[in-house]
Amino acid sequence: MKIALQYVNDANGHTQAVQLPVAEWEKLLTKLRKYEQALQLKADLKEAFLEVKALRSTKGKKQTLNDFLNEL
C-alpha cells in the first residue's frame, strides 16, 4: 500500500509528526481492527485448547455439554 505521507519538522529539521490523508487513515484503522480481531481469536482459541487439554488430563466427573448450556 503506497501512502502519500507528509512530514512535519521543527526549526532544526527534526521530524516531529507525520500526516496522511484521512481516507488512508481510515483504511489503516480498518486493517488494524481486523488484525486485532484475528489476534483476539487466536488468543481465545489458544486458551480454549489449553482448557481442553487440562480437562482431558483430570480424572473425575466432567461436565456434559447439556449441563454447561443449561447453566447459561
N, C-alpha and C. Protein backbone atom coordinates (compact mmCIF):
# COMPACT_ATOMS: atom_id res chain seq x y z
N MET A 1 0.85 -1.16 0.00
CA MET A 1 0.00 0.00 0.00
C MET A 1 0.91 1.24 0.00
N LYS A 2 0.73 2.07 -0.98
CA LYS A 2 1.51 3.30 -1.11
C LYS A 2 0.69 4.44 -0.51
N ILE A 3 1.26 5.12 0.48
CA ILE A 3 0.56 6.21 1.16
C ILE A 3 1.37 7.49 0.98
N ALA A 4 0.66 8.56 0.63
CA ALA A 4 1.31 9.87 0.48
C ALA A 4 1.45 10.50 1.85
N LEU A 5 2.65 10.40 2.42
CA LEU A 5 2.91 10.94 3.74
C LEU A 5 3.53 12.33 3.63
N GLN A 6 3.24 13.16 4.62
CA GLN A 6 3.88 14.46 4.75
C GLN A 6 4.51 14.50 6.13
N TYR A 7 5.75 14.96 6.17
CA TYR A 7 6.47 15.03 7.44
C TYR A 7 6.49 16.47 7.94
N VAL A 8 6.27 16.63 9.24
CA VAL A 8 6.32 17.94 9.87
C VAL A 8 7.61 18.01 10.68
N ASN A 9 8.44 18.98 10.35
CA ASN A 9 9.74 19.13 11.01
C ASN A 9 9.76 20.39 11.88
N ASP A 10 10.60 20.35 12.90
CA ASP A 10 10.77 21.54 13.74
C ASP A 10 11.81 22.47 13.08
N ALA A 11 12.13 23.54 13.74
CA ALA A 11 13.06 24.54 13.19
C ALA A 11 14.44 23.94 12.93
N ASN A 12 14.79 22.88 13.65
CA ASN A 12 16.10 22.24 13.47
C ASN A 12 16.08 21.13 12.42
N GLY A 13 14.93 20.91 11.82
CA GLY A 13 14.83 19.88 10.79
C GLY A 13 14.52 18.50 11.30
N HIS A 14 14.24 18.37 12.60
CA HIS A 14 13.91 17.05 13.17
C HIS A 14 12.42 16.76 12.95
N THR A 15 12.13 15.56 12.50
CA THR A 15 10.75 15.17 12.25
C THR A 15 9.97 15.12 13.57
N GLN A 16 8.84 15.80 13.60
CA GLN A 16 8.01 15.87 14.79
C GLN A 16 6.68 15.12 14.62
N ALA A 17 6.22 15.00 13.38
CA ALA A 17 4.93 14.37 13.13
C ALA A 17 4.86 13.89 11.68
N VAL A 18 3.89 13.04 11.43
CA VAL A 18 3.63 12.55 10.08
C VAL A 18 2.15 12.78 9.80
N GLN A 19 1.86 13.29 8.63
CA GLN A 19 0.46 13.50 8.23
C GLN A 19 0.15 12.59 7.05
N LEU A 20 -1.10 12.12 7.01
CA LEU A 20 -1.55 11.33 5.88
C LEU A 20 -3.01 11.67 5.60
N PRO A 21 -3.47 11.43 4.38
CA PRO A 21 -4.86 11.75 4.05
C PRO A 21 -5.84 10.95 4.93
N VAL A 22 -6.97 11.55 5.22
CA VAL A 22 -7.98 10.93 6.09
C VAL A 22 -8.44 9.58 5.53
N ALA A 23 -8.62 9.50 4.23
CA ALA A 23 -9.07 8.24 3.62
C ALA A 23 -8.06 7.13 3.88
N GLU A 24 -6.79 7.45 3.79
CA GLU A 24 -5.75 6.45 4.06
C GLU A 24 -5.74 6.06 5.54
N TRP A 25 -5.94 7.04 6.41
CA TRP A 25 -6.00 6.79 7.85
C TRP A 25 -7.14 5.82 8.17
N GLU A 26 -8.29 6.05 7.55
CA GLU A 26 -9.45 5.17 7.80
C GLU A 26 -9.19 3.76 7.29
N LYS A 27 -8.50 3.63 6.15
CA LYS A 27 -8.15 2.30 5.64
C LYS A 27 -7.22 1.58 6.62
N LEU A 28 -6.24 2.33 7.13
CA LEU A 28 -5.31 1.74 8.10
C LEU A 28 -6.03 1.30 9.37
N LEU A 29 -6.96 2.12 9.84
CA LEU A 29 -7.72 1.75 11.05
C LEU A 29 -8.54 0.49 10.81
N THR A 30 -9.14 0.38 9.63
CA THR A 30 -9.92 -0.81 9.30
C THR A 30 -9.04 -2.06 9.32
N LYS A 31 -7.85 -1.96 8.70
CA LYS A 31 -6.93 -3.10 8.72
C LYS A 31 -6.48 -3.43 10.13
N LEU A 32 -6.20 -2.40 10.90
CA LEU A 32 -5.76 -2.62 12.29
C LEU A 32 -6.84 -3.34 13.08
N ARG A 33 -8.08 -2.94 12.93
CA ARG A 33 -9.18 -3.61 13.64
C ARG A 33 -9.28 -5.08 13.24
N LYS A 34 -9.10 -5.37 11.96
CA LYS A 34 -9.15 -6.76 11.50
C LYS A 34 -8.02 -7.58 12.11
N TYR A 35 -6.82 -7.00 12.16
CA TYR A 35 -5.68 -7.69 12.77
C TYR A 35 -5.92 -7.91 14.27
N GLU A 36 -6.50 -6.91 14.93
CA GLU A 36 -6.78 -7.06 16.36
C GLU A 36 -7.79 -8.16 16.60
N GLN A 37 -8.82 -8.25 15.74
CA GLN A 37 -9.82 -9.31 15.87
C GLN A 37 -9.18 -10.69 15.65
N ALA A 38 -8.30 -10.78 14.65
CA ALA A 38 -7.63 -12.06 14.37
C ALA A 38 -6.74 -12.46 15.55
N LEU A 39 -6.03 -11.50 16.12
CA LEU A 39 -5.18 -11.81 17.28
C LEU A 39 -6.01 -12.25 18.48
N GLN A 40 -7.16 -11.59 18.68
CA GLN A 40 -8.03 -11.97 19.80
C GLN A 40 -8.58 -13.38 19.59
N LEU A 41 -8.98 -13.69 18.36
CA LEU A 41 -9.48 -15.02 18.05
C LEU A 41 -8.40 -16.07 18.31
N LYS A 42 -7.17 -15.76 17.89
CA LYS A 42 -6.06 -16.68 18.11
C LYS A 42 -5.84 -16.91 19.61
N ALA A 43 -5.87 -15.83 20.38
CA ALA A 43 -5.67 -15.95 21.83
C ALA A 43 -6.80 -16.76 22.46
N ASP A 44 -8.03 -16.51 22.02
CA ASP A 44 -9.18 -17.25 22.56
C ASP A 44 -9.08 -18.74 22.24
N LEU A 45 -8.68 -19.06 21.00
CA LEU A 45 -8.53 -20.46 20.63
C LEU A 45 -7.42 -21.14 21.41
N LYS A 46 -6.33 -20.43 21.61
CA LYS A 46 -5.22 -21.00 22.39
C LYS A 46 -5.68 -21.31 23.81
N GLU A 47 -6.42 -20.37 24.40
CA GLU A 47 -6.94 -20.60 25.76
C GLU A 47 -7.90 -21.78 25.78
N ALA A 48 -8.75 -21.88 24.77
CA ALA A 48 -9.71 -22.98 24.72
C ALA A 48 -9.00 -24.33 24.61
N PHE A 49 -7.97 -24.40 23.78
CA PHE A 49 -7.23 -25.66 23.64
C PHE A 49 -6.51 -26.01 24.94
N LEU A 50 -6.00 -25.02 25.64
CA LEU A 50 -5.36 -25.29 26.93
C LEU A 50 -6.38 -25.81 27.94
N GLU A 51 -7.58 -25.25 27.91
CA GLU A 51 -8.64 -25.73 28.82
C GLU A 51 -9.04 -27.16 28.49
N VAL A 52 -9.14 -27.47 27.20
CA VAL A 52 -9.48 -28.84 26.80
C VAL A 52 -8.39 -29.80 27.24
N LYS A 53 -7.14 -29.40 27.05
CA LYS A 53 -6.02 -30.25 27.48
C LYS A 53 -6.07 -30.50 28.98
N ALA A 54 -6.36 -29.45 29.75
CA ALA A 54 -6.44 -29.59 31.20
C ALA A 54 -7.60 -30.51 31.59
N LEU A 55 -8.73 -30.37 30.92
CA LEU A 55 -9.88 -31.23 31.23
C LEU A 55 -9.57 -32.69 30.90
N ARG A 56 -8.89 -32.92 29.82
CA ARG A 56 -8.57 -34.30 29.43
C ARG A 56 -7.61 -34.95 30.41
N SER A 57 -6.78 -34.15 31.04
CA SER A 57 -5.79 -34.72 31.95
C SER A 57 -6.34 -34.94 33.36
N THR A 58 -7.51 -34.37 33.67
CA THR A 58 -8.07 -34.54 35.01
C THR A 58 -8.90 -35.81 35.07
N LYS A 59 -8.92 -36.38 36.23
CA LYS A 59 -9.75 -37.55 36.46
C LYS A 59 -10.97 -37.09 37.24
N GLY A 60 -12.03 -37.79 37.09
CA GLY A 60 -13.25 -37.44 37.81
C GLY A 60 -14.36 -37.08 36.84
N LYS A 61 -15.48 -36.64 37.42
CA LYS A 61 -16.67 -36.34 36.63
C LYS A 61 -16.47 -35.06 35.84
N LYS A 62 -16.77 -35.15 34.56
CA LYS A 62 -16.67 -33.99 33.68
C LYS A 62 -18.08 -33.50 33.37
N GLN A 63 -18.20 -32.21 33.16
CA GLN A 63 -19.50 -31.62 32.86
C GLN A 63 -19.87 -31.90 31.40
N THR A 64 -21.11 -32.27 31.16
CA THR A 64 -21.57 -32.52 29.80
C THR A 64 -21.90 -31.18 29.14
N LEU A 65 -22.00 -31.22 27.82
CA LEU A 65 -22.35 -30.02 27.08
C LEU A 65 -23.74 -29.55 27.46
N ASN A 66 -24.68 -30.48 27.62
CA ASN A 66 -26.04 -30.10 28.03
C ASN A 66 -26.06 -29.42 29.39
N ASP A 67 -25.30 -29.93 30.34
CA ASP A 67 -25.23 -29.30 31.65
C ASP A 67 -24.63 -27.89 31.56
N PHE A 68 -23.61 -27.76 30.75
CA PHE A 68 -22.98 -26.46 30.57
C PHE A 68 -23.97 -25.46 29.98
N LEU A 69 -24.67 -25.89 28.92
CA LEU A 69 -25.63 -24.99 28.27
C LEU A 69 -26.79 -24.65 29.17
N ASN A 70 -27.20 -25.57 30.03
CA ASN A 70 -28.30 -25.31 30.95
C ASN A 70 -27.92 -24.27 32.01
N GLU A 71 -26.63 -24.15 32.30
CA GLU A 71 -26.17 -23.15 33.26
C GLU A 71 -26.24 -21.74 32.72
N LEU A 72 -26.25 -21.61 31.41
CA LEU A 72 -26.29 -20.29 30.78
C LEU A 72 -27.64 -19.72 30.91
